[in-house]
Amino acid sequence: SLKPEDTGLYYCAAFLKTRGSTYCA
């Protein structure tokens, strides 16, 4: 159900800088 506002460059990321963090930023 993609929307125009979904447009962008999508990045994959790995390895938290802080162990145990649950902040998706």
PDBML (XML) file of the C-alpha atoms, coordinates in Angstrom:
<?xml version="1.0" encoding="UTF-8" ?>
<PDBx:datablock datablockName="MODEL"
   xmlns:PDBx="http://pdbml.pdb.org/schema/pdbx-v50.xsd"
   xmlns:xsi="http://www.w3.org/2001/XMLSchema-instance"
   xsi:schemaLocation="http://pdbml.pdb.org/schema/pdbx-v50.xsd pdbx-v50.xsd">
   <PDBx:atom_siteCategory>
      <PDBx:atom_site id="1">
         <PDBx:B_iso_or_equiv>0.00</PDBx:B_iso_or_equiv>
         <PDBx:Cartn_x>0.000</PDBx:Cartn_x>
         <PDBx:Cartn_y>0.000</PDBx:Cartn_y>
         <PDBx:Cartn_z>0.000</PDBx:Cartn_z>
         <PDBx:auth_asym_id>A</PDBx:auth_asym_id>
         <PDBx:auth_atom_id>CA</PDBx:auth_atom_id>
         <PDBx:auth_comp_id>SER</PDBx:auth_comp_id>
         <PDBx:auth_seq_id>1</PDBx:auth_seq_id>
         <PDBx:group_PDB>ATOM</PDBx:group_PDB>
         <PDBx:label_alt_id xsi:nil="true" />
         <PDBx:label_asym_id>A</PDBx:label_asym_id>
         <PDBx:label_atom_id>CA</PDBx:label_atom_id>
         <PDBx:label_comp_id>SER</PDBx:label_comp_id>
         <PDBx:label_entity_id>1</PDBx:label_entity_id>
         <PDBx:label_seq_id>1</PDBx:label_seq_id>
         <PDBx:occupancy>1.00</PDBx:occupancy>
         <PDBx:pdbx_PDB_model_num>1</PDBx:pdbx_PDB_model_num>
         <PDBx:type_symbol>C</PDBx:type_symbol>
      </PDBx:atom_site>
      <PDBx:atom_site id="2">
         <PDBx:B_iso_or_equiv>0.00</PDBx:B_iso_or_equiv>
         <PDBx:Cartn_x>2.778</PDBx:Cartn_x>
         <PDBx:Cartn_y>2.385</PDBx:Cartn_y>
         <PDBx:Cartn_z>-0.913</PDBx:Cartn_z>
         <PDBx:auth_asym_id>A</PDBx:auth_asym_id>
         <PDBx:auth_atom_id>CA</PDBx:auth_atom_id>
         <PDBx:auth_comp_id>LEU</PDBx:auth_comp_id>
         <PDBx:auth_seq_id>2</PDBx:auth_seq_id>
         <PDBx:group_PDB>ATOM</PDBx:group_PDB>
         <PDBx:label_alt_id xsi:nil="true" />
         <PDBx:label_asym_id>A</PDBx:label_asym_id>
         <PDBx:label_atom_id>CA</PDBx:label_atom_id>
         <PDBx:label_comp_id>LEU</PDBx:label_comp_id>
         <PDBx:label_entity_id>1</PDBx:label_entity_id>
         <PDBx:label_seq_id>2</PDBx:label_seq_id>
         <PDBx:occupancy>1.00</PDBx:occupancy>
         <PDBx:pdbx_PDB_model_num>1</PDBx:pdbx_PDB_model_num>
         <PDBx:type_symbol>C</PDBx:type_symbol>
      </PDBx:atom_site>
      <PDBx:atom_site id="3">
         <PDBx:B_iso_or_equiv>0.00</PDBx:B_iso_or_equiv>
         <PDBx:Cartn_x>2.129</PDBx:Cartn_x>
         <PDBx:Cartn_y>6.110</PDBx:Cartn_y>
         <PDBx:Cartn_z>-0.808</PDBx:Cartn_z>
         <PDBx:auth_asym_id>A</PDBx:auth_asym_id>
         <PDBx:auth_atom_id>CA</PDBx:auth_atom_id>
         <PDBx:auth_comp_id>LYS</PDBx:auth_comp_id>
         <PDBx:auth_seq_id>3</PDBx:auth_seq_id>
         <PDBx:group_PDB>ATOM</PDBx:group_PDB>
         <PDBx:label_alt_id xsi:nil="true" />
         <PDBx:label_asym_id>A</PDBx:label_asym_id>
         <PDBx:label_atom_id>CA</PDBx:label_atom_id>
         <PDBx:label_comp_id>LYS</PDBx:label_comp_id>
         <PDBx:label_entity_id>1</PDBx:label_entity_id>
         <PDBx:label_seq_id>3</PDBx:label_seq_id>
         <PDBx:occupancy>1.00</PDBx:occupancy>
         <PDBx:pdbx_PDB_model_num>1</PDBx:pdbx_PDB_model_num>
         <PDBx:type_symbol>C</PDBx:type_symbol>
      </PDBx:atom_site>
      <PDBx:atom_site id="4">
         <PDBx:B_iso_or_equiv>0.00</PDBx:B_iso_or_equiv>
         <PDBx:Cartn_x>3.959</PDBx:Cartn_x>
         <PDBx:Cartn_y>9.010</PDBx:Cartn_y>
         <PDBx:Cartn_z>-2.472</PDBx:Cartn_z>
         <PDBx:auth_asym_id>A</PDBx:auth_asym_id>
         <PDBx:auth_atom_id>CA</PDBx:auth_atom_id>
         <PDBx:auth_comp_id>PRO</PDBx:auth_comp_id>
         <PDBx:auth_seq_id>4</PDBx:auth_seq_id>
         <PDBx:group_PDB>ATOM</PDBx:group_PDB>
         <PDBx:label_alt_id xsi:nil="true" />
         <PDBx:label_asym_id>A</PDBx:label_asym_id>
         <PDBx:label_atom_id>CA</PDBx:label_atom_id>
         <PDBx:label_comp_id>PRO</PDBx:label_comp_id>
         <PDBx:label_entity_id>1</PDBx:label_entity_id>
         <PDBx:label_seq_id>4</PDBx:label_seq_id>
         <PDBx:occupancy>1.00</PDBx:occupancy>
         <PDBx:pdbx_PDB_model_num>1</PDBx:pdbx_PDB_model_num>
         <PDBx:type_symbol>C</PDBx:type_symbol>
      </PDBx:atom_site>
      <PDBx:atom_site id="5">
         <PDBx:B_iso_or_equiv>0.00</PDBx:B_iso_or_equiv>
         <PDBx:Cartn_x>5.206</PDBx:Cartn_x>
         <PDBx:Cartn_y>10.091</PDBx:Cartn_y>
         <PDBx:Cartn_z>0.951</PDBx:Cartn_z>
         <PDBx:auth_asym_id>A</PDBx:auth_asym_id>
         <PDBx:auth_atom_id>CA</PDBx:auth_atom_id>
         <PDBx:auth_comp_id>GLU</PDBx:auth_comp_id>
         <PDBx:auth_seq_id>5</PDBx:auth_seq_id>
         <PDBx:group_PDB>ATOM</PDBx:group_PDB>
         <PDBx:label_alt_id xsi:nil="true" />
         <PDBx:label_asym_id>A</PDBx:label_asym_id>
         <PDBx:label_atom_id>CA</PDBx:label_atom_id>
         <PDBx:label_comp_id>GLU</PDBx:label_comp_id>
         <PDBx:label_entity_id>1</PDBx:label_entity_id>
         <PDBx:label_seq_id>5</PDBx:label_seq_id>
         <PDBx:occupancy>1.00</PDBx:occupancy>
         <PDBx:pdbx_PDB_model_num>1</PDBx:pdbx_PDB_model_num>
         <PDBx:type_symbol>C</PDBx:type_symbol>
      </PDBx:atom_site>
      <PDBx:atom_site id="6">
         <PDBx:B_iso_or_equiv>0.00</PDBx:B_iso_or_equiv>
         <PDBx:Cartn_x>7.083</PDBx:Cartn_x>
         <PDBx:Cartn_y>6.780</PDBx:Cartn_y>
         <PDBx:Cartn_z>1.209</PDBx:Cartn_z>
         <PDBx:auth_asym_id>A</PDBx:auth_asym_id>
         <PDBx:auth_atom_id>CA</PDBx:auth_atom_id>
         <PDBx:auth_comp_id>ASP</PDBx:auth_comp_id>
         <PDBx:auth_seq_id>6</PDBx:auth_seq_id>
         <PDBx:group_PDB>ATOM</PDBx:group_PDB>
         <PDBx:label_alt_id xsi:nil="true" />
         <PDBx:label_asym_id>A</PDBx:label_asym_id>
         <PDBx:label_atom_id>CA</PDBx:label_atom_id>
         <PDBx:label_comp_id>ASP</PDBx:label_comp_id>
         <PDBx:label_entity_id>1</PDBx:label_entity_id>
         <PDBx:label_seq_id>6</PDBx:label_seq_id>
         <PDBx:occupancy>1.00</PDBx:occupancy>
         <PDBx:pdbx_PDB_model_num>1</PDBx:pdbx_PDB_model_num>
         <PDBx:type_symbol>C</PDBx:type_symbol>
      </PDBx:atom_site>
      <PDBx:atom_site id="7">
         <PDBx:B_iso_or_equiv>0.00</PDBx:B_iso_or_equiv>
         <PDBx:Cartn_x>9.452</PDBx:Cartn_x>
         <PDBx:Cartn_y>8.066</PDBx:Cartn_y>
         <PDBx:Cartn_z>-1.468</PDBx:Cartn_z>
         <PDBx:auth_asym_id>A</PDBx:auth_asym_id>
         <PDBx:auth_atom_id>CA</PDBx:auth_atom_id>
         <PDBx:auth_comp_id>THR</PDBx:auth_comp_id>
         <PDBx:auth_seq_id>7</PDBx:auth_seq_id>
         <PDBx:group_PDB>ATOM</PDBx:group_PDB>
         <PDBx:label_alt_id xsi:nil="true" />
         <PDBx:label_asym_id>A</PDBx:label_asym_id>
         <PDBx:label_atom_id>CA</PDBx:label_atom_id>
         <PDBx:label_comp_id>THR</PDBx:label_comp_id>
         <PDBx:label_entity_id>1</PDBx:label_entity_id>
         <PDBx:label_seq_id>7</PDBx:label_seq_id>
         <PDBx:occupancy>1.00</PDBx:occupancy>
         <PDBx:pdbx_PDB_model_num>1</PDBx:pdbx_PDB_model_num>
         <PDBx:type_symbol>C</PDBx:type_symbol>
      </PDBx:atom_site>
      <PDBx:atom_site id="8">
         <PDBx:B_iso_or_equiv>0.00</PDBx:B_iso_or_equiv>
         <PDBx:Cartn_x>13.068</PDBx:Cartn_x>
         <PDBx:Cartn_y>8.262</PDBx:Cartn_y>
         <PDBx:Cartn_z>-0.400</PDBx:Cartn_z>
         <PDBx:auth_asym_id>A</PDBx:auth_asym_id>
         <PDBx:auth_atom_id>CA</PDBx:auth_atom_id>
         <PDBx:auth_comp_id>GLY</PDBx:auth_comp_id>
         <PDBx:auth_seq_id>8</PDBx:auth_seq_id>
         <PDBx:group_PDB>ATOM</PDBx:group_PDB>
         <PDBx:label_alt_id xsi:nil="true" />
         <PDBx:label_asym_id>A</PDBx:label_asym_id>
         <PDBx:label_atom_id>CA</PDBx:label_atom_id>
         <PDBx:label_comp_id>GLY</PDBx:label_comp_id>
         <PDBx:label_entity_id>1</PDBx:label_entity_id>
         <PDBx:label_seq_id>8</PDBx:label_seq_id>
         <PDBx:occupancy>1.00</PDBx:occupancy>
         <PDBx:pdbx_PDB_model_num>1</PDBx:pdbx_PDB_model_num>
         <PDBx:type_symbol>C</PDBx:type_symbol>
      </PDBx:atom_site>
      <PDBx:atom_site id="9">
         <PDBx:B_iso_or_equiv>0.00</PDBx:B_iso_or_equiv>
         <PDBx:Cartn_x>16.420</PDBx:Cartn_x>
         <PDBx:Cartn_y>6.581</PDBx:Cartn_y>
         <PDBx:Cartn_z>-0.204</PDBx:Cartn_z>
         <PDBx:auth_asym_id>A</PDBx:auth_asym_id>
         <PDBx:auth_atom_id>CA</PDBx:auth_atom_id>
         <PDBx:auth_comp_id>LEU</PDBx:auth_comp_id>
         <PDBx:auth_seq_id>9</PDBx:auth_seq_id>
         <PDBx:group_PDB>ATOM</PDBx:group_PDB>
         <PDBx:label_alt_id xsi:nil="true" />
         <PDBx:label_asym_id>A</PDBx:label_asym_id>
         <PDBx:label_atom_id>CA</PDBx:label_atom_id>
         <PDBx:label_comp_id>LEU</PDBx:label_comp_id>
         <PDBx:label_entity_id>1</PDBx:label_entity_id>
         <PDBx:label_seq_id>9</PDBx:label_seq_id>
         <PDBx:occupancy>1.00</PDBx:occupancy>
         <PDBx:pdbx_PDB_model_num>1</PDBx:pdbx_PDB_model_num>
         <PDBx:type_symbol>C</PDBx:type_symbol>
      </PDBx:atom_site>
      <PDBx:atom_site id="10">
         <PDBx:B_iso_or_equiv>0.00</PDBx:B_iso_or_equiv>
         <PDBx:Cartn_x>16.142</PDBx:Cartn_x>
         <PDBx:Cartn_y>3.494</PDBx:Cartn_y>
         <PDBx:Cartn_z>1.987</PDBx:Cartn_z>
         <PDBx:auth_asym_id>A</PDBx:auth_asym_id>
         <PDBx:auth_atom_id>CA</PDBx:auth_atom_id>
         <PDBx:auth_comp_id>TYR</PDBx:auth_comp_id>
         <PDBx:auth_seq_id>10</PDBx:auth_seq_id>
         <PDBx:group_PDB>ATOM</PDBx:group_PDB>
         <PDBx:label_alt_id xsi:nil="true" />
         <PDBx:label_asym_id>A</PDBx:label_asym_id>
         <PDBx:label_atom_id>CA</PDBx:label_atom_id>
         <PDBx:label_comp_id>TYR</PDBx:label_comp_id>
         <PDBx:label_entity_id>1</PDBx:label_entity_id>
         <PDBx:label_seq_id>10</PDBx:label_seq_id>
         <PDBx:occupancy>1.00</PDBx:occupancy>
         <PDBx:pdbx_PDB_model_num>1</PDBx:pdbx_PDB_model_num>
         <PDBx:type_symbol>C</PDBx:type_symbol>
      </PDBx:atom_site>
      <PDBx:atom_site id="11">
         <PDBx:B_iso_or_equiv>0.00</PDBx:B_iso_or_equiv>
         <PDBx:Cartn_x>19.119</PDBx:Cartn_x>
         <PDBx:Cartn_y>2.431</PDBx:Cartn_y>
         <PDBx:Cartn_z>4.060</PDBx:Cartn_z>
         <PDBx:auth_asym_id>A</PDBx:auth_asym_id>
         <PDBx:auth_atom_id>CA</PDBx:auth_atom_id>
         <PDBx:auth_comp_id>TYR</PDBx:auth_comp_id>
         <PDBx:auth_seq_id>11</PDBx:auth_seq_id>
         <PDBx:group_PDB>ATOM</PDBx:group_PDB>
         <PDBx:label_alt_id xsi:nil="true" />
         <PDBx:label_asym_id>A</PDBx:label_asym_id>
         <PDBx:label_atom_id>CA</PDBx:label_atom_id>
         <PDBx:label_comp_id>TYR</PDBx:label_comp_id>
         <PDBx:label_entity_id>1</PDBx:label_entity_id>
         <PDBx:label_seq_id>11</PDBx:label_seq_id>
         <PDBx:occupancy>1.00</PDBx:occupancy>
         <PDBx:pdbx_PDB_model_num>1</PDBx:pdbx_PDB_model_num>
         <PDBx:type_symbol>C</PDBx:type_symbol>
      </PDBx:atom_site>
      <PDBx:atom_site id="12">
         <PDBx:B_iso_or_equiv>0.00</PDBx:B_iso_or_equiv>
         <PDBx:Cartn_x>19.879</PDBx:Cartn_x>
         <PDBx:Cartn_y>-0.760</PDBx:Cartn_y>
         <PDBx:Cartn_z>5.890</PDBx:Cartn_z>
         <PDBx:auth_asym_id>A</PDBx:auth_asym_id>
         <PDBx:auth_atom_id>CA</PDBx:auth_atom_id>
         <PDBx:auth_comp_id>CYS</PDBx:auth_comp_id>
         <PDBx:auth_seq_id>12</PDBx:auth_seq_id>
         <PDBx:group_PDB>ATOM</PDBx:group_PDB>
         <PDBx:label_alt_id xsi:nil="true" />
         <PDBx:label_asym_id>A</PDBx:label_asym_id>
         <PDBx:label_atom_id>CA</PDBx:label_atom_id>
         <PDBx:label_comp_id>CYS</PDBx:label_comp_id>
         <PDBx:label_entity_id>1</PDBx:label_entity_id>
         <PDBx:label_seq_id>12</PDBx:label_seq_id>
         <PDBx:occupancy>1.00</PDBx:occupancy>
         <PDBx:pdbx_PDB_model_num>1</PDBx:pdbx_PDB_model_num>
         <PDBx:type_symbol>C</PDBx:type_symbol>
      </PDBx:atom_site>
      <PDBx:atom_site id="13">
         <PDBx:B_iso_or_equiv>0.00</PDBx:B_iso_or_equiv>
         <PDBx:Cartn_x>21.738</PDBx:Cartn_x>
         <PDBx:Cartn_y>-0.432</PDBx:Cartn_y>
         <PDBx:Cartn_z>9.182</PDBx:Cartn_z>
         <PDBx:auth_asym_id>A</PDBx:auth_asym_id>
         <PDBx:auth_atom_id>CA</PDBx:auth_atom_id>
         <PDBx:auth_comp_id>ALA</PDBx:auth_comp_id>
         <PDBx:auth_seq_id>13</PDBx:auth_seq_id>
         <PDBx:group_PDB>ATOM</PDBx:group_PDB>
         <PDBx:label_alt_id xsi:nil="true" />
         <PDBx:label_asym_id>A</PDBx:label_asym_id>
         <PDBx:label_atom_id>CA</PDBx:label_atom_id>
         <PDBx:label_comp_id>ALA</PDBx:label_comp_id>
         <PDBx:label_entity_id>1</PDBx:label_entity_id>
         <PDBx:label_seq_id>13</PDBx:label_seq_id>
         <PDBx:occupancy>1.00</PDBx:occupancy>
         <PDBx:pdbx_PDB_model_num>1</PDBx:pdbx_PDB_model_num>
         <PDBx:type_symbol>C</PDBx:type_symbol>
      </PDBx:atom_site>
      <PDBx:atom_site id="14">
         <PDBx:B_iso_or_equiv>0.00</PDBx:B_iso_or_equiv>
         <PDBx:Cartn_x>23.298</PDBx:Cartn_x>
         <PDBx:Cartn_y>-2.760</PDBx:Cartn_y>
         <PDBx:Cartn_z>11.726</PDBx:Cartn_z>
         <PDBx:auth_asym_id>A</PDBx:auth_asym_id>
         <PDBx:auth_atom_id>CA</PDBx:auth_atom_id>
         <PDBx:auth_comp_id>ALA</PDBx:auth_comp_id>
         <PDBx:auth_seq_id>14</PDBx:auth_seq_id>
         <PDBx:group_PDB>ATOM</PDBx:group_PDB>
         <PDBx:label_alt_id xsi:nil="true" />
         <PDBx:label_asym_id>A</PDBx:label_asym_id>
         <PDBx:label_atom_id>CA</PDBx:label_atom_id>
         <PDBx:label_comp_id>ALA</PDBx:label_comp_id>
         <PDBx:label_entity_id>1</PDBx:label_entity_id>
         <PDBx:label_seq_id>14</PDBx:label_seq_id>
         <PDBx:occupancy>1.00</PDBx:occupancy>
         <PDBx:pdbx_PDB_model_num>1</PDBx:pdbx_PDB_model_num>
         <PDBx:type_symbol>C</PDBx:type_symbol>
      </PDBx:atom_site>
      <PDBx:atom_site id="15">
         <PDBx:B_iso_or_equiv>0.00</PDBx:B_iso_or_equiv>
         <PDBx:Cartn_x>25.151</PDBx:Cartn_x>
         <PDBx:Cartn_y>-2.845</PDBx:Cartn_y>
         <PDBx:Cartn_z>15.035</PDBx:Cartn_z>
         <PDBx:auth_asym_id>A</PDBx:auth_asym_id>
         <PDBx:auth_atom_id>CA</PDBx:auth_atom_id>
         <PDBx:auth_comp_id>PHE</PDBx:auth_comp_id>
         <PDBx:auth_seq_id>15</PDBx:auth_seq_id>
         <PDBx:group_PDB>ATOM</PDBx:group_PDB>
         <PDBx:label_alt_id xsi:nil="true" />
         <PDBx:label_asym_id>A</PDBx:label_asym_id>
         <PDBx:label_atom_id>CA</PDBx:label_atom_id>
         <PDBx:label_comp_id>PHE</PDBx:label_comp_id>
         <PDBx:label_entity_id>1</PDBx:label_entity_id>
         <PDBx:label_seq_id>15</PDBx:label_seq_id>
         <PDBx:occupancy>1.00</PDBx:occupancy>
         <PDBx:pdbx_PDB_model_num>1</PDBx:pdbx_PDB_model_num>
         <PDBx:type_symbol>C</PDBx:type_symbol>
      </PDBx:atom_site>
      <PDBx:atom_site id="16">
         <PDBx:B_iso_or_equiv>0.00</PDBx:B_iso_or_equiv>
         <PDBx:Cartn_x>23.835</PDBx:Cartn_x>
         <PDBx:Cartn_y>-0.739</PDBx:Cartn_y>
         <PDBx:Cartn_z>17.867</PDBx:Cartn_z>
         <PDBx:auth_asym_id>A</PDBx:auth_asym_id>
         <PDBx:auth_atom_id>CA</PDBx:auth_atom_id>
         <PDBx:auth_comp_id>LEU</PDBx:auth_comp_id>
         <PDBx:auth_seq_id>16</PDBx:auth_seq_id>
         <PDBx:group_PDB>ATOM</PDBx:group_PDB>
         <PDBx:label_alt_id xsi:nil="true" />
         <PDBx:label_asym_id>A</PDBx:label_asym_id>
         <PDBx:label_atom_id>CA</PDBx:label_atom_id>
         <PDBx:label_comp_id>LEU</PDBx:label_comp_id>
         <PDBx:label_entity_id>1</PDBx:label_entity_id>
         <PDBx:label_seq_id>16</PDBx:label_seq_id>
         <PDBx:occupancy>1.00</PDBx:occupancy>
         <PDBx:pdbx_PDB_model_num>1</PDBx:pdbx_PDB_model_num>
         <PDBx:type_symbol>C</PDBx:type_symbol>
      </PDBx:atom_site>
      <PDBx:atom_site id="17">
         <PDBx:B_iso_or_equiv>0.00</PDBx:B_iso_or_equiv>
         <PDBx:Cartn_x>26.197</PDBx:Cartn_x>
         <PDBx:Cartn_y>1.776</PDBx:Cartn_y>
         <PDBx:Cartn_z>19.377</PDBx:Cartn_z>
         <PDBx:auth_asym_id>A</PDBx:auth_asym_id>
         <PDBx:auth_atom_id>CA</PDBx:auth_atom_id>
         <PDBx:auth_comp_id>LYS</PDBx:auth_comp_id>
         <PDBx:auth_seq_id>17</PDBx:auth_seq_id>
         <PDBx:group_PDB>ATOM</PDBx:group_PDB>
         <PDBx:label_alt_id xsi:nil="true" />
         <PDBx:label_asym_id>A</PDBx:label_asym_id>
         <PDBx:label_atom_id>CA</PDBx:label_atom_id>
         <PDBx:label_comp_id>LYS</PDBx:label_comp_id>
         <PDBx:label_entity_id>1</PDBx:label_entity_id>
         <PDBx:label_seq_id>17</PDBx:label_seq_id>
         <PDBx:occupancy>1.00</PDBx:occupancy>
         <PDBx:pdbx_PDB_model_num>1</PDBx:pdbx_PDB_model_num>
         <PDBx:type_symbol>C</PDBx:type_symbol>
      </PDBx:atom_site>
      <PDBx:atom_site id="18">
         <PDBx:B_iso_or_equiv>0.00</PDBx:B_iso_or_equiv>
         <PDBx:Cartn_x>24.627</PDBx:Cartn_x>
         <PDBx:Cartn_y>1.176</PDBx:Cartn_y>
         <PDBx:Cartn_z>22.779</PDBx:Cartn_z>
         <PDBx:auth_asym_id>A</PDBx:auth_asym_id>
         <PDBx:auth_atom_id>CA</PDBx:auth_atom_id>
         <PDBx:auth_comp_id>THR</PDBx:auth_comp_id>
         <PDBx:auth_seq_id>18</PDBx:auth_seq_id>
         <PDBx:group_PDB>ATOM</PDBx:group_PDB>
         <PDBx:label_alt_id xsi:nil="true" />
         <PDBx:label_asym_id>A</PDBx:label_asym_id>
         <PDBx:label_atom_id>CA</PDBx:label_atom_id>
         <PDBx:label_comp_id>THR</PDBx:label_comp_id>
         <PDBx:label_entity_id>1</PDBx:label_entity_id>
         <PDBx:label_seq_id>18</PDBx:label_seq_id>
         <PDBx:occupancy>1.00</PDBx:occupancy>
         <PDBx:pdbx_PDB_model_num>1</PDBx:pdbx_PDB_model_num>
         <PDBx:type_symbol>C</PDBx:type_symbol>
      </PDBx:atom_site>
      <PDBx:atom_site id="19">
         <PDBx:B_iso_or_equiv>0.00</PDBx:B_iso_or_equiv>
         <PDBx:Cartn_x>23.957</PDBx:Cartn_x>
         <PDBx:Cartn_y>-2.353</PDBx:Cartn_y>
         <PDBx:Cartn_z>23.965</PDBx:Cartn_z>
         <PDBx:auth_asym_id>A</PDBx:auth_asym_id>
         <PDBx:auth_atom_id>CA</PDBx:auth_atom_id>
         <PDBx:auth_comp_id>ARG</PDBx:auth_comp_id>
         <PDBx:auth_seq_id>19</PDBx:auth_seq_id>
         <PDBx:group_PDB>ATOM</PDBx:group_PDB>
         <PDBx:label_alt_id xsi:nil="true" />
         <PDBx:label_asym_id>A</PDBx:label_asym_id>
         <PDBx:label_atom_id>CA</PDBx:label_atom_id>
         <PDBx:label_comp_id>ARG</PDBx:label_comp_id>
         <PDBx:label_entity_id>1</PDBx:label_entity_id>
         <PDBx:label_seq_id>19</PDBx:label_seq_id>
         <PDBx:occupancy>1.00</PDBx:occupancy>
         <PDBx:pdbx_PDB_model_num>1</PDBx:pdbx_PDB_model_num>
         <PDBx:type_symbol>C</PDBx:type_symbol>
      </PDBx:atom_site>
      <PDBx:atom_site id="20">
         <PDBx:B_iso_or_equiv>0.00</PDBx:B_iso_or_equiv>
         <PDBx:Cartn_x>20.329</PDBx:Cartn_x>
         <PDBx:Cartn_y>-3.010</PDBx:Cartn_y>
         <PDBx:Cartn_z>24.775</PDBx:Cartn_z>
         <PDBx:auth_asym_id>A</PDBx:auth_asym_id>
         <PDBx:auth_atom_id>CA</PDBx:auth_atom_id>
         <PDBx:auth_comp_id>GLY</PDBx:auth_comp_id>
         <PDBx:auth_seq_id>20</PDBx:auth_seq_id>
         <PDBx:group_PDB>ATOM</PDBx:group_PDB>
         <PDBx:label_alt_id xsi:nil="true" />
         <PDBx:label_asym_id>A</PDBx:label_asym_id>
         <PDBx:label_atom_id>CA</PDBx:label_atom_id>
         <PDBx:label_comp_id>GLY</PDBx:label_comp_id>
         <PDBx:label_entity_id>1</PDBx:label_entity_id>
         <PDBx:label_seq_id>20</PDBx:label_seq_id>
         <PDBx:occupancy>1.00</PDBx:occupancy>
         <PDBx:pdbx_PDB_model_num>1</PDBx:pdbx_PDB_model_num>
         <PDBx:type_symbol>C</PDBx:type_symbol>
      </PDBx:atom_site>
      <PDBx:atom_site id="21">
         <PDBx:B_iso_or_equiv>0.00</PDBx:B_iso_or_equiv>
         <PDBx:Cartn_x>18.975</PDBx:Cartn_x>
         <PDBx:Cartn_y>0.067</PDBx:Cartn_y>
         <PDBx:Cartn_z>23.043</PDBx:Cartn_z>
         <PDBx:auth_asym_id>A</PDBx:auth_asym_id>
         <PDBx:auth_atom_id>CA</PDBx:auth_atom_id>
         <PDBx:auth_comp_id>SER</PDBx:auth_comp_id>
         <PDBx:auth_seq_id>21</PDBx:auth_seq_id>
         <PDBx:group_PDB>ATOM</PDBx:group_PDB>
         <PDBx:label_alt_id xsi:nil="true" />
         <PDBx:label_asym_id>A</PDBx:label_asym_id>
         <PDBx:label_atom_id>CA</PDBx:label_atom_id>
         <PDBx:label_comp_id>SER</PDBx:label_comp_id>
         <PDBx:label_entity_id>1</PDBx:label_entity_id>
         <PDBx:label_seq_id>21</PDBx:label_seq_id>
         <PDBx:occupancy>1.00</PDBx:occupancy>
         <PDBx:pdbx_PDB_model_num>1</PDBx:pdbx_PDB_model_num>
         <PDBx:type_symbol>C</PDBx:type_symbol>
      </PDBx:atom_site>
      <PDBx:atom_site id="22">
         <PDBx:B_iso_or_equiv>0.00</PDBx:B_iso_or_equiv>
         <PDBx:Cartn_x>15.476</PDBx:Cartn_x>
         <PDBx:Cartn_y>-0.205</PDBx:Cartn_y>
         <PDBx:Cartn_z>21.577</PDBx:Cartn_z>
         <PDBx:auth_asym_id>A</PDBx:auth_asym_id>
         <PDBx:auth_atom_id>CA</PDBx:auth_atom_id>
         <PDBx:auth_comp_id>THR</PDBx:auth_comp_id>
         <PDBx:auth_seq_id>22</PDBx:auth_seq_id>
         <PDBx:group_PDB>ATOM</PDBx:group_PDB>
         <PDBx:label_alt_id xsi:nil="true" />
         <PDBx:label_asym_id>A</PDBx:label_asym_id>
         <PDBx:label_atom_id>CA</PDBx:label_atom_id>
         <PDBx:label_comp_id>THR</PDBx:label_comp_id>
         <PDBx:label_entity_id>1</PDBx:label_entity_id>
         <PDBx:label_seq_id>22</PDBx:label_seq_id>
         <PDBx:occupancy>1.00</PDBx:occupancy>
         <PDBx:pdbx_PDB_model_num>1</PDBx:pdbx_PDB_model_num>
         <PDBx:type_symbol>C</PDBx:type_symbol>
      </PDBx:atom_site>
      <PDBx:atom_site id="23">
         <PDBx:B_iso_or_equiv>0.00</PDBx:B_iso_or_equiv>
         <PDBx:Cartn_x>15.418</PDBx:Cartn_x>
         <PDBx:Cartn_y>3.244</PDBx:Cartn_y>
         <PDBx:Cartn_z>20.043</PDBx:Cartn_z>
         <PDBx:auth_asym_id>A</PDBx:auth_asym_id>
         <PDBx:auth_atom_id>CA</PDBx:auth_atom_id>
         <PDBx:auth_comp_id>TYR</PDBx:auth_comp_id>
         <PDBx:auth_seq_id>23</PDBx:auth_seq_id>
         <PDBx:group_PDB>ATOM</PDBx:group_PDB>
         <PDBx:label_alt_id xsi:nil="true" />
         <PDBx:label_asym_id>A</PDBx:label_asym_id>
         <PDBx:label_atom_id>CA</PDBx:label_atom_id>
         <PDBx:label_comp_id>TYR</PDBx:label_comp_id>
         <PDBx:label_entity_id>1</PDBx:label_entity_id>
         <PDBx:label_seq_id>23</PDBx:label_seq_id>
         <PDBx:occupancy>1.00</PDBx:occupancy>
         <PDBx:pdbx_PDB_model_num>1</PDBx:pdbx_PDB_model_num>
         <PDBx:type_symbol>C</PDBx:type_symbol>
      </PDBx:atom_site>
      <PDBx:atom_site id="24">
         <PDBx:B_iso_or_equiv>0.00</PDBx:B_iso_or_equiv>
         <PDBx:Cartn_x>14.917</PDBx:Cartn_x>
         <PDBx:Cartn_y>2.945</PDBx:Cartn_y>
         <PDBx:Cartn_z>16.291</PDBx:Cartn_z>
         <PDBx:auth_asym_id>A</PDBx:auth_asym_id>
         <PDBx:auth_atom_id>CA</PDBx:auth_atom_id>
         <PDBx:auth_comp_id>CYS</PDBx:auth_comp_id>
         <PDBx:auth_seq_id>24</PDBx:auth_seq_id>
         <PDBx:group_PDB>ATOM</PDBx:group_PDB>
         <PDBx:label_alt_id xsi:nil="true" />
         <PDBx:label_asym_id>A</PDBx:label_asym_id>
         <PDBx:label_atom_id>CA</PDBx:label_atom_id>
         <PDBx:label_comp_id>CYS</PDBx:label_comp_id>
         <PDBx:label_entity_id>1</PDBx:label_entity_id>
         <PDBx:label_seq_id>24</PDBx:label_seq_id>
         <PDBx:occupancy>1.00</PDBx:occupancy>
         <PDBx:pdbx_PDB_model_num>1</PDBx:pdbx_PDB_model_num>
         <PDBx:type_symbol>C</PDBx:type_symbol>
      </PDBx:atom_site>
      <PDBx:atom_site id="25">
         <PDBx:B_iso_or_equiv>0.00</PDBx:B_iso_or_equiv>
         <PDBx:Cartn_x>16.834</PDBx:Cartn_x>
         <PDBx:Cartn_y>6.027</PDBx:Cartn_y>
         <PDBx:Cartn_z>15.264</PDBx:Cartn_z>
         <PDBx:auth_asym_id>A</PDBx:auth_asym_id>
         <PDBx:auth_atom_id>CA</PDBx:auth_atom_id>
         <PDBx:auth_comp_id>ALA</PDBx:auth_comp_id>
         <PDBx:auth_seq_id>25</PDBx:auth_seq_id>
         <PDBx:group_PDB>ATOM</PDBx:group_PDB>
         <PDBx:label_alt_id xsi:nil="true" />
         <PDBx:label_asym_id>A</PDBx:label_asym_id>
         <PDBx:label_atom_id>CA</PDBx:label_atom_id>
         <PDBx:label_comp_id>ALA</PDBx:label_comp_id>
         <PDBx:label_entity_id>1</PDBx:label_entity_id>
         <PDBx:label_seq_id>25</PDBx:label_seq_id>
         <PDBx:occupancy>1.00</PDBx:occupancy>
         <PDBx:pdbx_PDB_model_num>1</PDBx:pdbx_PDB_model_num>
         <PDBx:type_symbol>C</PDBx:type_symbol>
      </PDBx:atom_site>
   </PDBx:atom_siteCategory>
</PDBx:datablock>
